[in-house]
Amino acid sequence: MNTNSNVVEPNYLRPEAAALRLGISKRCLSLWMVRRVIPYRKVGRAVFFRPDELDAALEKFRVASVGEPPTPRKRHTERNATAEHTITPA
């Protein structure tokens, strides 16, 4: 194991190092964790991040340049109406 407390193994980062890599505050990182914007692993009270997964999560926020065609957006599908959501006339 590395002596630096922010790096656990070559493939995992602690929250401080992950926030630094993403260029965000630790508070923002915590908020993204709660909102499940970024993937993480939790072992007991220790939290770990994989750099490649952080990069992939950050790619979701990418905005295309002016000359670049926009990326297709995922369409939200309507939920199928169920009996509990169906309104019946009286």
PDB file of N, CA and C in Angstrom:
ATOM      1  N   MET A   1       0.842  -1.177   0.000  1.00  0.00           N
ATOM      2  CA  MET A   1       0.000   0.000   0.000  1.00  0.00           C
ATOM      3  C   MET A   1       0.881   1.232   0.000  1.00  0.00           C
ATOM      4  N   ASN A   2       0.474   2.243  -0.686  1.00  0.00           N
ATOM      5  CA  ASN A   2       1.220   3.480  -0.803  1.00  0.00           C
ATOM      6  C   ASN A   2       1.184   4.243   0.522  1.00  0.00           C
ATOM      7  N   THR A   3       2.240   4.970   0.831  1.00  0.00           N
ATOM      8  CA  THR A   3       2.284   5.731   2.080  1.00  0.00           C
ATOM      9  C   THR A   3       1.430   6.986   2.014  1.00  0.00           C
ATOM     10  N   ASN A   4       1.098   7.465   0.821  1.00  0.00           N
ATOM     11  CA  ASN A   4       0.238   8.633   0.674  1.00  0.00           C
ATOM     12  C   ASN A   4      -1.180   8.243   1.078  1.00  0.00           C
ATOM     13  N   SER A   5      -1.795   8.987   2.005  1.00  0.00           N
ATOM     14  CA  SER A   5      -3.113   8.619   2.519  1.00  0.00           C
ATOM     15  C   SER A   5      -4.229   8.849   1.510  1.00  0.00           C
ATOM     16  N   ASN A   6      -3.979   9.606   0.429  1.00  0.00           N
ATOM     17  CA  ASN A   6      -5.010   9.862  -0.567  1.00  0.00           C
ATOM     18  C   ASN A   6      -5.064   8.796  -1.651  1.00  0.00           C
ATOM     19  N   VAL A   7      -4.028   7.995  -1.789  1.00  0.00           N
ATOM     20  CA  VAL A   7      -3.987   6.953  -2.804  1.00  0.00           C
ATOM     21  C   VAL A   7      -3.912   5.612  -2.098  1.00  0.00           C
ATOM     22  N   VAL A   8      -4.870   4.732  -2.354  1.00  0.00           N
ATOM     23  CA  VAL A   8      -4.917   3.445  -1.680  1.00  0.00           C
ATOM     24  C   VAL A   8      -4.126   2.418  -2.469  1.00  0.00           C
ATOM     25  N   GLU A   9      -4.529   2.136  -3.668  1.00  0.00           N
ATOM     26  CA  GLU A   9      -3.859   1.242  -4.595  1.00  0.00           C
ATOM     27  C   GLU A   9      -3.730   2.018  -5.897  1.00  0.00           C
ATOM     28  N   PRO A  10      -2.955   1.530  -6.842  1.00  0.00           N
ATOM     29  CA  PRO A  10      -2.839   2.264  -8.102  1.00  0.00           C
ATOM     30  C   PRO A  10      -4.184   2.527  -8.778  1.00  0.00           C
ATOM     31  N   ASN A  11      -5.167   1.670  -8.542  1.00  0.00           N
ATOM     32  CA  ASN A  11      -6.457   1.815  -9.215  1.00  0.00           C
ATOM     33  C   ASN A  11      -7.527   2.530  -8.396  1.00  0.00           C
ATOM     34  N   TYR A  12      -7.234   2.915  -7.169  1.00  0.00           N
ATOM     35  CA  TYR A  12      -8.250   3.524  -6.318  1.00  0.00           C
ATOM     36  C   TYR A  12      -7.766   4.832  -5.714  1.00  0.00           C
ATOM     37  N   LEU A  13      -8.702   5.790  -5.585  1.00  0.00           N
ATOM     38  CA  LEU A  13      -8.405   7.090  -4.986  1.00  0.00           C
ATOM     39  C   LEU A  13      -9.296   7.302  -3.775  1.00  0.00           C
ATOM     40  N   ARG A  14      -8.795   8.047  -2.804  1.00  0.00           N
ATOM     41  CA  ARG A  14      -9.590   8.486  -1.661  1.00  0.00           C
ATOM     42  C   ARG A  14     -10.369   9.727  -2.088  1.00  0.00           C
ATOM     43  N   PRO A  15     -11.370  10.146  -1.307  1.00  0.00           N
ATOM     44  CA  PRO A  15     -12.182  11.308  -1.683  1.00  0.00           C
ATOM     45  C   PRO A  15     -11.379  12.584  -1.957  1.00  0.00           C
ATOM     46  N   GLU A  16     -10.357  12.858  -1.165  1.00  0.00           N
ATOM     47  CA  GLU A  16      -9.565  14.074  -1.369  1.00  0.00           C
ATOM     48  C   GLU A  16      -8.905  14.069  -2.743  1.00  0.00           C
ATOM     49  N   ALA A  17      -8.312  12.941  -3.112  1.00  0.00           N
ATOM     50  CA  ALA A  17      -7.639  12.826  -4.405  1.00  0.00           C
ATOM     51  C   ALA A  17      -8.650  12.808  -5.549  1.00  0.00           C
ATOM     52  N   ALA A  18      -9.807  12.194  -5.327  1.00  0.00           N
ATOM     53  CA  ALA A  18     -10.845  12.153  -6.359  1.00  0.00           C
ATOM     54  C   ALA A  18     -11.376  13.556  -6.642  1.00  0.00           C
ATOM     55  N   ALA A  19     -11.615  14.340  -5.589  1.00  0.00           N
ATOM     56  CA  ALA A  19     -12.089  15.712  -5.764  1.00  0.00           C
ATOM     57  C   ALA A  19     -11.049  16.545  -6.505  1.00  0.00           C
ATOM     58  N   LEU A  20      -9.795  16.362  -6.157  1.00  0.00           N
ATOM     59  CA  LEU A  20      -8.716  17.084  -6.826  1.00  0.00           C
ATOM     60  C   LEU A  20      -8.649  16.701  -8.300  1.00  0.00           C
ATOM     61  N   ARG A  21      -8.786  15.424  -8.598  1.00  0.00           N
ATOM     62  CA  ARG A  21      -8.744  14.950  -9.991  1.00  0.00           C
ATOM     63  C   ARG A  21      -9.880  15.555 -10.810  1.00  0.00           C
ATOM     64  N   LEU A  22     -11.066  15.667 -10.206  1.00  0.00           N
ATOM     65  CA  LEU A  22     -12.230  16.206 -10.907  1.00  0.00           C
ATOM     66  C   LEU A  22     -12.267  17.729 -10.910  1.00  0.00           C
ATOM     67  N   GLY A  23     -11.465  18.346 -10.055  1.00  0.00           N
ATOM     68  CA  GLY A  23     -11.455  19.804  -9.973  1.00  0.00           C
ATOM     69  C   GLY A  23     -12.661  20.356  -9.245  1.00  0.00           C
ATOM     70  N   ILE A  24     -13.165  19.602  -8.274  1.00  0.00           N
ATOM     71  CA  ILE A  24     -14.322  20.027  -7.496  1.00  0.00           C
ATOM     72  C   ILE A  24     -13.979  19.966  -6.014  1.00  0.00           C
ATOM     73  N   SER A  25     -14.839  20.548  -5.193  1.00  0.00           N
ATOM     74  CA  SER A  25     -14.615  20.508  -3.748  1.00  0.00           C
ATOM     75  C   SER A  25     -15.031  19.148  -3.190  1.00  0.00           C
ATOM     76  N   LYS A  26     -14.566  18.852  -1.977  1.00  0.00           N
ATOM     77  CA  LYS A  26     -14.969  17.607  -1.319  1.00  0.00           C
ATOM     78  C   LYS A  26     -16.467  17.618  -1.026  1.00  0.00           C
ATOM     79  N   ARG A  27     -16.998  18.789  -0.751  1.00  0.00           N
ATOM     80  CA  ARG A  27     -18.438  18.909  -0.503  1.00  0.00           C
ATOM     81  C   ARG A  27     -19.238  18.565  -1.760  1.00  0.00           C
ATOM     82  N   CYS A  28     -18.791  19.058  -2.910  1.00  0.00           N
ATOM     83  CA  CYS A  28     -19.449  18.736  -4.177  1.00  0.00           C
ATOM     84  C   CYS A  28     -19.342  17.239  -4.463  1.00  0.00           C
ATOM     85  N   LEU A  29     -18.188  16.665  -4.188  1.00  0.00           N
ATOM     86  CA  LEU A  29     -17.985  15.230  -4.374  1.00  0.00           C
ATOM     87  C   LEU A  29     -18.974  14.442  -3.510  1.00  0.00           C
ATOM     88  N   SER A  30     -19.144  14.860  -2.265  1.00  0.00           N
ATOM     89  CA  SER A  30     -20.097  14.196  -1.370  1.00  0.00           C
ATOM     90  C   SER A  30     -21.519  14.299  -1.907  1.00  0.00           C
ATOM     91  N   LEU A  31     -21.869  15.460  -2.432  1.00  0.00           N
ATOM     92  CA  LEU A  31     -23.198  15.657  -3.003  1.00  0.00           C
ATOM     93  C   LEU A  31     -23.403  14.753  -4.215  1.00  0.00           C
ATOM     94  N   TRP A  32     -22.391  14.652  -5.065  1.00  0.00           N
ATOM     95  CA  TRP A  32     -22.471  13.769  -6.232  1.00  0.00           C
ATOM     96  C   TRP A  32     -22.602  12.311  -5.798  1.00  0.00           C
ATOM     97  N   MET A  33     -21.963  11.955  -4.690  1.00  0.00           N
ATOM     98  CA  MET A  33     -22.080  10.587  -4.179  1.00  0.00           C
ATOM     99  C   MET A  33     -23.518  10.316  -3.733  1.00  0.00           C
ATOM    100  N   VAL A  34     -24.103  11.247  -2.990  1.00  0.00           N
ATOM    101  CA  VAL A  34     -25.468  11.092  -2.497  1.00  0.00           C
ATOM    102  C   VAL A  34     -26.447  11.008  -3.668  1.00  0.00           C
ATOM    103  N   ARG A  35     -26.218  11.831  -4.694  1.00  0.00           N
ATOM    104  CA  ARG A  35     -27.098  11.845  -5.872  1.00  0.00           C
ATOM    105  C   ARG A  35     -26.762  10.740  -6.873  1.00  0.00           C
ATOM    106  N   ARG A  36     -25.730   9.960  -6.558  1.00  0.00           N
ATOM    107  CA  ARG A  36     -25.269   8.853  -7.405  1.00  0.00           C
ATOM    108  C   ARG A  36     -24.873   9.311  -8.808  1.00  0.00           C
ATOM    109  N   VAL A  37     -24.218  10.461  -8.870  1.00  0.00           N
ATOM    110  CA  VAL A  37     -23.676  10.965 -10.130  1.00  0.00           C
ATOM    111  C   VAL A  37     -22.396  10.222 -10.473  1.00  0.00           C
ATOM    112  N   ILE A  38     -21.626   9.885  -9.447  1.00  0.00           N
ATOM    113  CA  ILE A  38     -20.358   9.185  -9.656  1.00  0.00           C
ATOM    114  C   ILE A  38     -20.361   7.866  -8.893  1.00  0.00           C
ATOM    115  N   PRO A  39     -19.751   6.840  -9.478  1.00  0.00           N
ATOM    116  CA  PRO A  39     -19.673   5.555  -8.781  1.00  0.00           C
ATOM    117  C   PRO A  39     -18.566   5.556  -7.736  1.00  0.00           C
ATOM    118  N   TYR A  40     -18.764   4.824  -6.674  1.00  0.00           N
ATOM    119  CA  TYR A  40     -17.746   4.705  -5.626  1.00  0.00           C
ATOM    120  C   TYR A  40     -17.924   3.382  -4.912  1.00  0.00           C
ATOM    121  N   ARG A  41     -16.924   3.038  -4.126  1.00  0.00           N
ATOM    122  CA  ARG A  41     -16.974   1.834  -3.307  1.00  0.00           C
ATOM    123  C   ARG A  41     -16.832   2.243  -1.853  1.00  0.00           C
ATOM    124  N   LYS A  42     -17.575   1.576  -0.998  1.00  0.00           N
ATOM    125  CA  LYS A  42     -17.511   1.892   0.421  1.00  0.00           C
ATOM    126  C   LYS A  42     -17.246   0.608   1.187  1.00  0.00           C
ATOM    127  N   VAL A  43     -16.168   0.612   1.930  1.00  0.00           N
ATOM    128  CA  VAL A  43     -15.798  -0.524   2.768  1.00  0.00           C
ATOM    129  C   VAL A  43     -15.767  -0.001   4.195  1.00  0.00           C
ATOM    130  N   GLY A  44     -16.783  -0.348   4.956  1.00  0.00           N
ATOM    131  CA  GLY A  44     -16.898   0.228   6.294  1.00  0.00           C
ATOM    132  C   GLY A  44     -17.145   1.723   6.154  1.00  0.00           C
ATOM    133  N   ARG A  45     -16.246   2.525   6.728  1.00  0.00           N
ATOM    134  CA  ARG A  45     -16.360   3.980   6.615  1.00  0.00           C
ATOM    135  C   ARG A  45     -15.459   4.547   5.528  1.00  0.00           C
ATOM    136  N   ALA A  46     -14.623   3.705   4.947  1.00  0.00           N
ATOM    137  CA  ALA A  46     -13.683   4.147   3.916  1.00  0.00           C
ATOM    138  C   ALA A  46     -14.360   4.168   2.543  1.00  0.00           C
ATOM    139  N   VAL A  47     -14.102   5.234   1.786  1.00  0.00           N
ATOM    140  CA  VAL A  47     -14.682   5.406   0.457  1.00  0.00           C
ATOM    141  C   VAL A  47     -13.554   5.424  -0.563  1.00  0.00           C
ATOM    142  N   PHE A  48     -13.760   4.723  -1.688  1.00  0.00           N
ATOM    143  CA  PHE A  48     -12.747   4.615  -2.735  1.00  0.00           C
ATOM    144  C   PHE A  48     -13.358   4.892  -4.100  1.00  0.00           C
ATOM    145  N   PHE A  49     -12.556   5.469  -4.983  1.00  0.00           N
ATOM    146  CA  PHE A  49     -12.978   5.780  -6.345  1.00  0.00           C
ATOM    147  C   PHE A  49     -11.969   5.220  -7.331  1.00  0.00           C
ATOM    148  N   ARG A  50     -12.461   4.722  -8.467  1.00  0.00           N
ATOM    149  CA  ARG A  50     -11.569   4.295  -9.546  1.00  0.00           C
ATOM    150  C   ARG A  50     -11.424   5.455 -10.515  1.00  0.00           C
ATOM    151  N   PRO A  51     -10.198   5.824 -10.883  1.00  0.00           N
ATOM    152  CA  PRO A  51      -9.984   6.960 -11.791  1.00  0.00           C
ATOM    153  C   PRO A  51     -10.716   6.828 -13.124  1.00  0.00           C
ATOM    154  N   ASP A  52     -10.736   5.636 -13.715  1.00  0.00           N
ATOM    155  CA  ASP A  52     -11.406   5.470 -15.005  1.00  0.00           C
ATOM    156  C   ASP A  52     -12.914   5.679 -14.889  1.00  0.00           C
ATOM    157  N   GLU A  53     -13.501   5.299 -13.765  1.00  0.00           N
ATOM    158  CA  GLU A  53     -14.931   5.518 -13.560  1.00  0.00           C
ATOM    159  C   GLU A  53     -15.235   6.990 -13.312  1.00  0.00           C
ATOM    160  N   LEU A  54     -14.322   7.696 -12.647  1.00  0.00           N
ATOM    161  CA  LEU A  54     -14.498   9.137 -12.458  1.00  0.00           C
ATOM    162  C   LEU A  54     -14.474   9.852 -13.803  1.00  0.00           C
ATOM    163  N   ASP A  55     -13.524   9.461 -14.663  1.00  0.00           N
ATOM    164  CA  ASP A  55     -13.426  10.077 -15.986  1.00  0.00           C
ATOM    165  C   ASP A  55     -14.690   9.819 -16.801  1.00  0.00           C
ATOM    166  N   ALA A  56     -15.208   8.603 -16.740  1.00  0.00           N
ATOM    167  CA  ALA A  56     -16.429   8.256 -17.472  1.00  0.00           C
ATOM    168  C   ALA A  56     -17.631   9.035 -16.937  1.00  0.00           C
ATOM    169  N   ALA A  57     -17.711   9.200 -15.625  1.00  0.00           N
ATOM    170  CA  ALA A  57     -18.814   9.953 -15.029  1.00  0.00           C
ATOM    171  C   ALA A  57     -18.739  11.421 -15.420  1.00  0.00           C
ATOM    172  N   LEU A  58     -17.536  11.952 -15.471  1.00  0.00           N
ATOM    173  CA  LEU A  58     -17.353  13.351 -15.848  1.00  0.00           C
ATOM    174  C   LEU A  58     -17.720  13.572 -17.312  1.00  0.00           C
ATOM    175  N   GLU A  59     -17.565  12.559 -18.136  1.00  0.00           N
ATOM    176  CA  GLU A  59     -17.885  12.659 -19.562  1.00  0.00           C
ATOM    177  C   GLU A  59     -19.376  12.920 -19.785  1.00  0.00           C
ATOM    178  N   LYS A  60     -20.219  12.564 -18.805  1.00  0.00           N
ATOM    179  CA  LYS A  60     -21.657  12.830 -18.908  1.00  0.00           C
ATOM    180  C   LYS A  60     -21.946  14.328 -18.991  1.00  0.00           C
ATOM    181  N   PHE A  61     -21.039  15.140 -18.455  1.00  0.00           N
ATOM    182  CA  PHE A  61     -21.240  16.584 -18.422  1.00  0.00           C
ATOM    183  C   PHE A  61     -20.654  17.286 -19.644  1.00  0.00           C
ATOM    184  N   ARG A  62     -20.122  16.524 -20.593  1.00  0.00           N
ATOM    185  CA  ARG A  62     -19.452  17.096 -21.762  1.00  0.00           C
ATOM    186  C   ARG A  62     -20.449  17.846 -22.639  1.00  0.00           C
ATOM    187  N   VAL A  63     -20.044  19.037 -23.067  1.00  0.00           N
ATOM    188  CA  VAL A  63     -20.841  19.853 -23.973  1.00  0.00           C
ATOM    189  C   VAL A  63     -20.102  19.901 -25.301  1.00  0.00           C
ATOM    190  N   ALA A  64     -20.802  19.614 -26.400  1.00  0.00           N
ATOM    191  CA  ALA A  64     -20.178  19.598 -27.722  1.00  0.00           C
ATOM    192  C   ALA A  64     -19.774  21.008 -28.134  1.00  0.00           C
ATOM    193  N   SER A  65     -18.675  21.110 -28.888  1.00  0.00           N
ATOM    194  CA  SER A  65     -18.234  22.410 -29.386  1.00  0.00           C
ATOM    195  C   SER A  65     -19.155  22.861 -30.518  1.00  0.00           C
ATOM    196  N   VAL A  66     -18.977  24.095 -30.982  1.00  0.00           N
ATOM    197  CA  VAL A  66     -19.866  24.685 -31.977  1.00  0.00           C
ATOM    198  C   VAL A  66     -19.886  23.880 -33.277  1.00  0.00           C
ATOM    199  N   GLY A  67     -18.734  23.464 -33.789  1.00  0.00           N
ATOM    200  CA  GLY A  67     -18.677  22.751 -35.057  1.00  0.00           C
ATOM    201  C   GLY A  67     -18.964  21.270 -34.963  1.00  0.00           C
ATOM    202  N   GLU A  68     -19.156  20.767 -33.784  1.00  0.00           N
ATOM    203  CA  GLU A  68     -19.349  19.338 -33.567  1.00  0.00           C
ATOM    204  C   GLU A  68     -20.840  19.015 -33.503  1.00  0.00           C
ATOM    205  N   PRO A  69     -21.269  17.934 -34.166  1.00  0.00           N
ATOM    206  CA  PRO A  69     -22.695  17.591 -34.063  1.00  0.00           C
ATOM    207  C   PRO A  69     -23.038  17.201 -32.627  1.00  0.00           C
ATOM    208  N   PRO A  70     -24.208  17.591 -32.153  1.00  0.00           N
ATOM    209  CA  PRO A  70     -24.576  17.261 -30.770  1.00  0.00           C
ATOM    210  C   PRO A  70     -24.756  15.762 -30.601  1.00  0.00           C
ATOM    211  N   THR A  71     -24.462  15.301 -29.407  1.00  0.00           N
ATOM    212  CA  THR A  71     -24.647  13.884 -29.115  1.00  0.00           C
ATOM    213  C   THR A  71     -26.135  13.630 -28.909  1.00  0.00           C
ATOM    214  N   PRO A  72     -26.631  12.505 -29.382  1.00  0.00           N
ATOM    215  CA  PRO A  72     -28.063  12.226 -29.198  1.00  0.00           C
ATOM    216  C   PRO A  72     -28.391  12.060 -27.726  1.00  0.00           C
ATOM    217  N   ARG A  73     -29.486  12.653 -27.314  1.00  0.00           N
ATOM    218  CA  ARG A  73     -29.916  12.561 -25.923  1.00  0.00           C
ATOM    219  C   ARG A  73     -30.777  11.328 -25.749  1.00  0.00           C
ATOM    220  N   LYS A  74     -30.684  10.742 -24.578  1.00  0.00           N
ATOM    221  CA  LYS A  74     -31.530   9.599 -24.264  1.00  0.00           C
ATOM    222  C   LYS A  74     -32.938  10.108 -24.011  1.00  0.00           C
ATOM    223  N   ARG A  75     -33.893   9.430 -24.583  1.00  0.00           N
ATOM    224  CA  ARG A  75     -35.278   9.827 -24.396  1.00  0.00           C
ATOM    225  C   ARG A  75     -35.845   9.120 -23.177  1.00  0.00           C
ATOM    226  N   HIS A  76     -36.583   9.864 -22.411  1.00  0.00           N
ATOM    227  CA  HIS A  76     -37.251   9.277 -21.251  1.00  0.00           C
ATOM    228  C   HIS A  76     -38.540   8.626 -21.732  1.00  0.00           C
ATOM    229  N   THR A  77     -38.751   7.418 -21.334  1.00  0.00           N
ATOM    230  CA  THR A  77     -39.986   6.734 -21.708  1.00  0.00           C
ATOM    231  C   THR A  77     -41.013   6.931 -20.614  1.00  0.00           C
ATOM    232  N   GLU A  78     -42.247   7.054 -21.042  1.00  0.00           N
ATOM    233  CA  GLU A  78     -43.311   7.209 -20.054  1.00  0.00           C
ATOM    234  C   GLU A  78     -43.513   5.897 -19.329  1.00  0.00           C
ATOM    235  N   ARG A  79     -43.818   6.007 -18.072  1.00  0.00           N
ATOM    236  CA  ARG A  79     -44.109   4.807 -17.297  1.00  0.00           C
ATOM    237  C   ARG A  79     -45.428   4.224 -17.778  1.00  0.00           C
ATOM    238  N   ASN A  80     -45.489   2.930 -17.796  1.00  0.00           N
ATOM    239  CA  ASN A  80     -46.750   2.281 -18.147  1.00  0.00           C
ATOM    240  C   ASN A  80     -47.752   2.526 -17.034  1.00  0.00           C
ATOM    241  N   ALA A  81     -48.946   2.883 -17.422  1.00  0.00           N
ATOM    242  CA  ALA A  81     -49.987   3.127 -16.422  1.00  0.00           C
ATOM    243  C   ALA A  81     -50.382   1.804 -15.784  1.00  0.00           C
ATOM    244  N   THR A  82     -50.456   1.813 -14.480  1.00  0.00           N
ATOM    245  CA  THR A  82     -50.877   0.617 -13.754  1.00  0.00           C
ATOM    246  C   THR A  82     -52.249   0.869 -13.162  1.00  0.00           C
ATOM    247  N   ALA A  83     -52.825  -0.149 -12.615  1.00  0.00           N
ATOM    248  CA  ALA A  83     -54.172  -0.034 -12.054  1.00  0.00           C
ATOM    249  C   ALA A  83     -54.241   1.030 -10.972  1.00  0.00           C
ATOM    250  N   GLU A  84     -53.198   1.166 -10.191  1.00  0.00           N
ATOM    251  CA  GLU A  84     -53.239   2.151  -9.104  1.00  0.00           C
ATOM    252  C   GLU A  84     -53.113   3.579  -9.615  1.00  0.00           C
ATOM    253  N   HIS A  85     -52.587   3.764 -10.831  1.00  0.00           N
ATOM    254  CA  HIS A  85     -52.442   5.096 -11.399  1.00  0.00           C
ATOM    255  C   HIS A  85     -53.555   5.442 -12.381  1.00  0.00           C
ATOM    256  N   THR A  86     -54.390   4.486 -12.718  1.00  0.00           N
ATOM    257  CA  THR A  86     -55.452   4.712 -13.685  1.00  0.00           C
ATOM    258  C   THR A  86     -56.643   5.348 -12.985  1.00  0.00           C
ATOM    259  N   ILE A  87     -57.147   6.398 -13.592  1.00  0.00           N
ATOM    260  CA  ILE A  87     -58.316   7.081 -13.034  1.00  0.00           C
ATOM    261  C   ILE A  87     -59.542   6.529 -13.748  1.00  0.00           C
ATOM    262  N   THR A  88     -60.498   6.063 -12.987  1.00  0.00           N
ATOM    263  CA  THR A  88     -61.725   5.529 -13.575  1.00  0.00           C
ATOM    264  C   THR A  88     -62.836   6.538 -13.383  1.00  0.00           C
ATOM    265  N   PRO A  89     -63.642   6.743 -14.414  1.00  0.00           N
ATOM    266  CA  PRO A  89     -64.745   7.703 -14.268  1.00  0.00           C
ATOM    267  C   PRO A  89     -65.784   7.201 -13.276  1.00  0.00           C
ATOM    268  N   ALA A  90     -66.394   8.133 -12.543  1.00  0.00           N
ATOM    269  CA  ALA A  90     -67.384   7.756 -11.522  1.00  0.00           C
ATOM    270  C   ALA A  90     -68.761   7.629 -12.100  1.00  0.00           C
TER     271      ALA A  90
END
